Protein backbone atom coordinates (compact mmCIF):
# COMPACT_ATOMS: atom_id res chain seq x y z
CA MET A 1 -0.08 0.15 -0.12
CA GLY A 2 1.26 3.43 -1.06
CA CYS A 3 1.79 6.88 0.86
CA CYS A 4 -0.01 10.11 0.15
CA GLY A 5 3.67 11.03 1.82
CA LYS A 6 5.28 10.05 -0.86
CA ALA A 7 3.14 11.45 -3.90
CA ARG A 8 3.70 14.33 -1.93
CA GLU A 9 7.23 14.32 -1.77
CA ALA A 10 7.83 13.26 -5.52
CA ALA A 11 5.18 16.31 -6.25
CA ARG A 12 7.25 18.61 -4.41
CA GLY A 13 11.12 17.46 -6.03
CA GLU A 14 9.51 17.89 -9.65
CA TYR A 15 9.44 21.66 -8.85
CA ALA A 16 12.30 22.25 -6.37
CA SER A 17 14.49 23.07 -9.71
CA VAL A 18 12.30 25.05 -11.35
CA THR A 19 13.59 28.57 -11.97
CA THR A 20 11.51 31.53 -11.19
CA GLU A 21 13.25 34.11 -13.46
CA THR A 22 11.55 35.47 -16.32
CA ARG A 23 12.76 34.25 -19.71
CA THR A 24 14.06 36.23 -22.79
CA ALA A 25 14.37 35.88 -26.06
CA GLN A 26 17.43 33.75 -27.18
CA PRO A 27 19.02 34.85 -30.34
CA GLY A 28 17.96 32.24 -33.26
CA GLN A 29 15.10 31.13 -30.61
CA LEU A 30 11.29 32.18 -31.59
CA GLY A 31 9.43 33.48 -28.42
CA VAL A 32 6.24 34.78 -27.88
CA VAL A 33 5.39 37.54 -25.28
CA ILE A 34 2.42 36.85 -23.75
CA ARG A 35 0.77 38.23 -20.12
CA TYR A 36 -0.41 36.74 -17.10
CA LEU A 37 -4.30 37.93 -16.30
CA GLY A 38 -4.28 36.17 -12.90
CA GLN A 39 -3.66 37.21 -9.68
CA SER A 40 -1.47 35.16 -7.70
CA ALA A 41 1.25 32.99 -8.81
CA ILE A 42 0.93 29.70 -10.75
CA LEU A 43 3.57 27.49 -12.50
CA VAL A 44 2.63 25.94 -15.99
CA ARG A 45 4.03 23.35 -17.93
CA GLY A 46 4.31 23.95 -21.30
CA PRO A 47 2.30 21.34 -23.41
CA ARG A 48 4.91 21.06 -26.20
CA THR A 49 8.54 21.84 -24.61
CA GLY A 50 8.16 20.57 -21.19
CA HIS A 51 9.29 24.04 -20.10
CA VAL A 52 8.08 24.94 -16.64
CA TYR A 53 6.49 28.41 -16.34
CA ALA A 54 6.68 30.71 -13.70
CA PHE A 55 3.87 33.60 -13.82
CA ARG A 56 3.51 36.48 -11.37
CA PRO A 57 1.05 39.53 -10.97
CA GLY A 58 3.96 42.06 -10.32
CA GLU A 59 5.65 40.65 -13.76
CA PRO A 60 2.98 39.43 -16.46
CA ASP A 61 4.95 39.74 -19.57
CA GLN A 62 6.84 37.16 -20.42
CA VAL A 63 8.74 35.56 -23.02
CA ILE A 64 7.39 31.64 -23.79
CA ASP A 65 8.32 29.57 -26.45
CA HIS A 66 6.44 29.61 -29.52
CA ARG A 67 5.31 25.95 -29.93
CA ASP A 68 3.11 26.23 -26.42
CA ALA A 69 1.71 29.62 -27.26
CA ASP A 70 -1.23 28.41 -28.80
CA VAL A 71 -2.56 25.49 -26.13
CA LEU A 72 -1.25 28.41 -22.82
CA LEU A 73 -3.57 30.95 -24.87
CA ARG A 74 -6.87 28.68 -24.59
CA THR A 75 -7.12 28.52 -20.95
CA GLY A 76 -7.72 32.11 -20.51
CA LEU A 77 -4.97 32.66 -18.13
CA LEU A 78 -2.96 34.26 -20.34
CA ARG A 79 -2.97 36.24 -23.68
CA LEU A 80 -1.15 37.71 -25.97
CA ALA A 81 0.95 41.04 -24.51
């Protein structure tokens, strides 16, 4: 029988190495600037790249990989900046 503590610890470890820096486009990288519309900080995993994006109300604009943009924009929490 599994223990919920192990599942909780595994989930915590998954995000332990997530950077909360705002990303900027690098030369040769196709990025899309989007704006977070929410009121509290969230982590969102890009469905195509697997990159974890950290959004905060105080820094709502962020460059994301163009491959993740269409799906993330459909959430209603983000829009093009």
